[in-house]
Amino acid sequence: MSWVILLVAGLCEIGWAVGLKYTHGFTRLWPTVGTIAAMAVSISLLGVAMRELPVGTAYAVWTGIGAIGTAILGIFLFGDSASAARLACLVMVGGGIIGLKLVSST
């Protein structure tokens, strides 16, 4: 169950990272409220997942999910670069996340 909680925390991480773009420097009320809510949920769920998962593994997976998801949404929503090198790096990050899951004792 900790892995599911960590996955949801990572998805919330994506939500607040992308949400930051829509806040326009925290000058727009509802995007700011949503972003802060996603931050709170994300960090809270990370803390819950860390009850059973090793801290280094949980944190690396959480940030990795956030980084990959945010980069992918950046490509689709904001026209960020989708160069082969950038996509290859995202695949490597994903491989690291999978590797951490596979070698974790929990």
N, C-alpha and C. Protein backbone atom coordinates (compact mmCIF):
# COMPACT_ATOMS: atom_id res chain seq x y z
N MET A 1 0.82 -1.20 0.00
CA MET A 1 0.00 0.00 0.00
C MET A 1 0.86 1.26 0.00
N SER A 2 2.04 1.19 0.60
CA SER A 2 2.92 2.36 0.64
C SER A 2 3.33 2.80 -0.75
N TRP A 3 3.49 1.84 -1.67
CA TRP A 3 3.86 2.20 -3.03
C TRP A 3 2.73 2.92 -3.74
N VAL A 4 1.51 2.52 -3.47
CA VAL A 4 0.35 3.20 -4.07
C VAL A 4 0.25 4.62 -3.53
N ILE A 5 0.44 4.76 -2.25
CA ILE A 5 0.41 6.09 -1.62
C ILE A 5 1.51 6.96 -2.20
N LEU A 6 2.69 6.37 -2.39
CA LEU A 6 3.80 7.12 -2.96
C LEU A 6 3.51 7.53 -4.41
N LEU A 7 2.87 6.67 -5.17
CA LEU A 7 2.49 7.00 -6.53
C LEU A 7 1.52 8.19 -6.55
N VAL A 8 0.53 8.16 -5.68
CA VAL A 8 -0.43 9.28 -5.61
C VAL A 8 0.29 10.56 -5.18
N ALA A 9 1.22 10.44 -4.24
CA ALA A 9 2.00 11.61 -3.82
C ALA A 9 2.78 12.17 -5.00
N GLY A 10 3.35 11.29 -5.82
CA GLY A 10 4.09 11.73 -6.99
C GLY A 10 3.19 12.42 -8.01
N LEU A 11 1.98 11.90 -8.18
CA LEU A 11 1.03 12.53 -9.10
C LEU A 11 0.63 13.92 -8.60
N CYS A 12 0.48 14.05 -7.29
CA CYS A 12 0.19 15.38 -6.73
C CYS A 12 1.39 16.31 -6.91
N GLU A 13 2.58 15.75 -6.87
CA GLU A 13 3.79 16.52 -7.13
C GLU A 13 3.74 17.12 -8.54
N ILE A 14 3.31 16.31 -9.49
CA ILE A 14 3.15 16.80 -10.86
C ILE A 14 2.13 17.93 -10.88
N GLY A 15 1.02 17.72 -10.17
CA GLY A 15 -0.05 18.72 -10.14
C GLY A 15 0.42 20.07 -9.63
N TRP A 16 1.20 20.05 -8.55
CA TRP A 16 1.60 21.37 -8.04
C TRP A 16 2.72 21.98 -8.87
N ALA A 17 3.58 21.15 -9.44
CA ALA A 17 4.64 21.72 -10.28
C ALA A 17 4.05 22.39 -11.52
N VAL A 18 3.11 21.73 -12.16
CA VAL A 18 2.44 22.34 -13.32
C VAL A 18 1.57 23.51 -12.87
N GLY A 19 0.93 23.35 -11.73
CA GLY A 19 0.08 24.42 -11.20
C GLY A 19 0.84 25.72 -10.98
N LEU A 20 2.11 25.60 -10.61
CA LEU A 20 2.91 26.81 -10.41
C LEU A 20 2.91 27.70 -11.65
N LYS A 21 2.94 27.08 -12.81
CA LYS A 21 2.94 27.86 -14.06
C LYS A 21 1.66 28.68 -14.19
N TYR A 22 0.55 28.08 -13.77
CA TYR A 22 -0.75 28.74 -13.90
C TYR A 22 -1.00 29.81 -12.83
N THR A 23 -0.21 29.82 -11.76
CA THR A 23 -0.41 30.83 -10.71
C THR A 23 0.09 32.20 -11.13
N HIS A 24 0.96 32.22 -12.16
CA HIS A 24 1.59 33.48 -12.58
C HIS A 24 2.22 34.19 -11.38
N GLY A 25 3.12 33.44 -10.71
CA GLY A 25 3.82 34.03 -9.57
C GLY A 25 2.92 34.23 -8.36
N PHE A 26 1.97 33.35 -8.19
CA PHE A 26 1.00 33.40 -7.09
C PHE A 26 0.13 34.66 -7.11
N THR A 27 -0.14 35.13 -8.32
CA THR A 27 -0.99 36.32 -8.46
C THR A 27 -2.43 35.96 -8.85
N ARG A 28 -2.69 34.69 -9.18
CA ARG A 28 -4.04 34.25 -9.55
C ARG A 28 -4.57 33.35 -8.44
N LEU A 29 -5.70 33.72 -7.86
CA LEU A 29 -6.21 33.07 -6.65
C LEU A 29 -6.44 31.57 -6.79
N TRP A 30 -7.29 31.13 -7.70
CA TRP A 30 -7.68 29.73 -7.73
C TRP A 30 -6.55 28.80 -8.16
N PRO A 31 -5.75 29.18 -9.14
CA PRO A 31 -4.59 28.32 -9.40
C PRO A 31 -3.64 28.24 -8.21
N THR A 32 -3.51 29.34 -7.47
CA THR A 32 -2.66 29.34 -6.28
C THR A 32 -3.23 28.43 -5.21
N VAL A 33 -4.53 28.50 -4.98
CA VAL A 33 -5.18 27.63 -3.98
C VAL A 33 -4.99 26.16 -4.37
N GLY A 34 -5.23 25.84 -5.63
CA GLY A 34 -5.07 24.46 -6.09
C GLY A 34 -3.64 23.97 -5.98
N THR A 35 -2.69 24.83 -6.30
CA THR A 35 -1.28 24.48 -6.23
C THR A 35 -0.87 24.23 -4.78
N ILE A 36 -1.27 25.09 -3.88
CA ILE A 36 -0.92 24.92 -2.47
C ILE A 36 -1.58 23.66 -1.90
N ALA A 37 -2.81 23.38 -2.31
CA ALA A 37 -3.49 22.16 -1.86
C ALA A 37 -2.75 20.92 -2.37
N ALA A 38 -2.34 20.93 -3.63
CA ALA A 38 -1.60 19.80 -4.18
C ALA A 38 -0.27 19.61 -3.48
N MET A 39 0.38 20.73 -3.12
CA MET A 39 1.64 20.65 -2.36
C MET A 39 1.42 19.97 -1.02
N ALA A 40 0.37 20.39 -0.33
CA ALA A 40 0.09 19.84 1.00
C ALA A 40 -0.23 18.35 0.92
N VAL A 41 -1.04 17.97 -0.04
CA VAL A 41 -1.39 16.55 -0.20
C VAL A 41 -0.16 15.75 -0.57
N SER A 42 0.63 16.25 -1.49
CA SER A 42 1.81 15.55 -1.95
C SER A 42 2.79 15.28 -0.82
N ILE A 43 3.14 16.29 -0.07
CA ILE A 43 4.12 16.13 1.00
C ILE A 43 3.55 15.28 2.14
N SER A 44 2.25 15.42 2.40
CA SER A 44 1.62 14.60 3.44
C SER A 44 1.65 13.12 3.07
N LEU A 45 1.30 12.81 1.84
CA LEU A 45 1.31 11.42 1.40
C LEU A 45 2.73 10.86 1.34
N LEU A 46 3.69 11.69 0.98
CA LEU A 46 5.09 11.25 1.02
C LEU A 46 5.46 10.84 2.44
N GLY A 47 5.06 11.65 3.40
CA GLY A 47 5.34 11.32 4.80
C GLY A 47 4.70 10.01 5.23
N VAL A 48 3.48 9.77 4.79
CA VAL A 48 2.79 8.52 5.12
C VAL A 48 3.53 7.34 4.48
N ALA A 49 3.91 7.48 3.22
CA ALA A 49 4.63 6.40 2.54
C ALA A 49 5.96 6.09 3.20
N MET A 50 6.61 7.11 3.75
CA MET A 50 7.91 6.92 4.38
C MET A 50 7.83 6.16 5.71
N ARG A 51 6.63 5.94 6.21
CA ARG A 51 6.50 5.12 7.41
C ARG A 51 7.03 3.72 7.16
N GLU A 52 6.86 3.23 5.93
CA GLU A 52 7.26 1.86 5.61
C GLU A 52 8.38 1.77 4.58
N LEU A 53 8.58 2.80 3.79
CA LEU A 53 9.60 2.76 2.75
C LEU A 53 10.87 3.47 3.22
N PRO A 54 12.02 3.03 2.73
CA PRO A 54 13.27 3.73 3.06
C PRO A 54 13.21 5.18 2.57
N VAL A 55 13.74 6.08 3.35
CA VAL A 55 13.64 7.51 3.03
C VAL A 55 14.26 7.84 1.68
N GLY A 56 15.44 7.30 1.40
CA GLY A 56 16.11 7.60 0.14
C GLY A 56 15.34 7.09 -1.05
N THR A 57 14.79 5.90 -0.93
CA THR A 57 14.00 5.32 -2.02
C THR A 57 12.72 6.11 -2.23
N ALA A 58 12.00 6.37 -1.15
CA ALA A 58 10.72 7.08 -1.27
C ALA A 58 10.92 8.47 -1.86
N TYR A 59 11.92 9.19 -1.39
CA TYR A 59 12.14 10.54 -1.88
C TYR A 59 12.56 10.53 -3.35
N ALA A 60 13.45 9.61 -3.71
CA ALA A 60 13.90 9.54 -5.11
C ALA A 60 12.76 9.18 -6.05
N VAL A 61 11.92 8.24 -5.65
CA VAL A 61 10.79 7.85 -6.48
C VAL A 61 9.80 9.00 -6.59
N TRP A 62 9.52 9.66 -5.48
CA TRP A 62 8.58 10.80 -5.46
C TRP A 62 9.05 11.91 -6.40
N THR A 63 10.31 12.28 -6.28
CA THR A 63 10.81 13.35 -7.14
C THR A 63 10.92 12.90 -8.59
N GLY A 64 11.25 11.62 -8.79
CA GLY A 64 11.33 11.10 -10.15
C GLY A 64 10.00 11.10 -10.85
N ILE A 65 8.96 10.66 -10.16
CA ILE A 65 7.61 10.70 -10.74
C ILE A 65 7.24 12.15 -11.06
N GLY A 66 7.53 13.04 -10.14
CA GLY A 66 7.24 14.45 -10.37
C GLY A 66 8.01 15.02 -11.54
N ALA A 67 9.29 14.67 -11.64
CA ALA A 67 10.12 15.20 -12.73
C ALA A 67 9.66 14.68 -14.09
N ILE A 68 9.42 13.38 -14.17
CA ILE A 68 9.00 12.80 -15.45
C ILE A 68 7.63 13.35 -15.86
N GLY A 69 6.69 13.31 -14.95
CA GLY A 69 5.34 13.78 -15.26
C GLY A 69 5.30 15.25 -15.62
N THR A 70 6.06 16.05 -14.89
CA THR A 70 6.08 17.48 -15.16
C THR A 70 6.73 17.76 -16.52
N ALA A 71 7.80 17.05 -16.82
CA ALA A 71 8.46 17.24 -18.11
C ALA A 71 7.54 16.85 -19.26
N ILE A 72 6.83 15.73 -19.11
CA ILE A 72 5.91 15.30 -20.16
C ILE A 72 4.77 16.30 -20.34
N LEU A 73 4.19 16.75 -19.25
CA LEU A 73 3.12 17.75 -19.36
C LEU A 73 3.66 19.07 -19.91
N GLY A 74 4.89 19.41 -19.57
CA GLY A 74 5.50 20.62 -20.13
C GLY A 74 5.60 20.55 -21.64
N ILE A 75 5.89 19.36 -22.14
CA ILE A 75 5.96 19.18 -23.60
C ILE A 75 4.58 19.39 -24.21
N PHE A 76 3.56 18.78 -23.62
CA PHE A 76 2.22 18.84 -24.21
C PHE A 76 1.48 20.15 -23.93
N LEU A 77 1.66 20.70 -22.75
CA LEU A 77 0.90 21.90 -22.39
C LEU A 77 1.59 23.21 -22.75
N PHE A 78 2.93 23.22 -22.67
CA PHE A 78 3.65 24.48 -22.80
C PHE A 78 4.64 24.50 -23.95
N GLY A 79 4.68 23.43 -24.73
CA GLY A 79 5.58 23.41 -25.88
C GLY A 79 7.04 23.27 -25.53
N ASP A 80 7.35 22.68 -24.36
CA ASP A 80 8.75 22.45 -23.99
C ASP A 80 9.40 21.51 -25.00
N SER A 81 10.69 21.53 -25.06
CA SER A 81 11.45 20.71 -25.99
C SER A 81 11.17 19.22 -25.78
N ALA A 82 11.05 18.50 -26.89
CA ALA A 82 10.90 17.04 -26.86
C ALA A 82 12.02 16.41 -27.66
N SER A 83 13.23 16.93 -27.49
CA SER A 83 14.37 16.40 -28.23
C SER A 83 14.65 14.96 -27.82
N ALA A 84 15.31 14.24 -28.70
CA ALA A 84 15.63 12.84 -28.43
C ALA A 84 16.48 12.71 -27.15
N ALA A 85 17.42 13.62 -26.98
CA ALA A 85 18.28 13.57 -25.79
C ALA A 85 17.47 13.78 -24.51
N ARG A 86 16.55 14.72 -24.55
CA ARG A 86 15.72 14.99 -23.38
C ARG A 86 14.83 13.80 -23.05
N LEU A 87 14.22 13.20 -24.07
CA LEU A 87 13.38 12.03 -23.86
C LEU A 87 14.20 10.85 -23.36
N ALA A 88 15.41 10.69 -23.88
CA ALA A 88 16.28 9.61 -23.41
C ALA A 88 16.61 9.79 -21.93
N CYS A 89 16.85 11.01 -21.51
CA CYS A 89 17.13 11.27 -20.10
C CYS A 89 15.91 10.95 -19.23
N LEU A 90 14.72 11.27 -19.71
CA LEU A 90 13.51 10.93 -18.97
C LEU A 90 13.35 9.42 -18.85
N VAL A 91 13.69 8.70 -19.90
CA VAL A 91 13.64 7.23 -19.85
C VAL A 91 14.63 6.71 -18.80
N MET A 92 15.80 7.32 -18.73
CA MET A 92 16.78 6.89 -17.71
C MET A 92 16.27 7.16 -16.30
N VAL A 93 15.64 8.30 -16.09
CA VAL A 93 15.06 8.58 -14.78
C VAL A 93 14.00 7.52 -14.46
N GLY A 94 13.16 7.21 -15.42
CA GLY A 94 12.15 6.17 -15.24
C GLY A 94 12.77 4.82 -14.92
N GLY A 95 13.86 4.49 -15.58
CA GLY A 95 14.57 3.25 -15.28
C GLY A 95 15.09 3.23 -13.86
N GLY A 96 15.56 4.37 -13.39
CA GLY A 96 16.02 4.46 -12.01
C GLY A 96 14.89 4.24 -11.01
N ILE A 97 13.73 4.80 -11.31
CA ILE A 97 12.57 4.61 -10.43
C ILE A 97 12.18 3.14 -10.38
N ILE A 98 12.13 2.51 -11.54
CA ILE A 98 11.79 1.09 -11.58
C ILE A 98 12.84 0.26 -10.84
N GLY A 99 14.10 0.60 -11.03
CA GLY A 99 15.16 -0.10 -10.33
C GLY A 99 15.04 0.04 -8.83
N LEU A 100 14.75 1.22 -8.34
CA LEU A 100 14.59 1.41 -6.91
C LEU A 100 13.42 0.58 -6.37
N LYS A 101 12.35 0.51 -7.12
CA LYS A 101 11.21 -0.31 -6.70
C LYS A 101 11.59 -1.77 -6.65
N LEU A 102 12.32 -2.25 -7.64
CA LEU A 102 12.68 -3.66 -7.72
C LEU A 102 13.64 -4.10 -6.61
N VAL A 103 14.54 -3.21 -6.22
CA VAL A 103 15.52 -3.60 -5.20
C VAL A 103 15.09 -3.24 -3.78
N SER A 104 13.95 -2.58 -3.65
CA SER A 104 13.46 -2.22 -2.32
C SER A 104 12.99 -3.46 -1.58
N SER A 105 13.27 -3.48 -0.30
CA SER A 105 12.88 -4.65 0.51
C SER A 105 11.42 -4.58 0.95
N THR A 106 10.75 -3.46 0.72
CA THR A 106 9.37 -3.31 1.14
C THR A 106 8.43 -3.49 -0.01
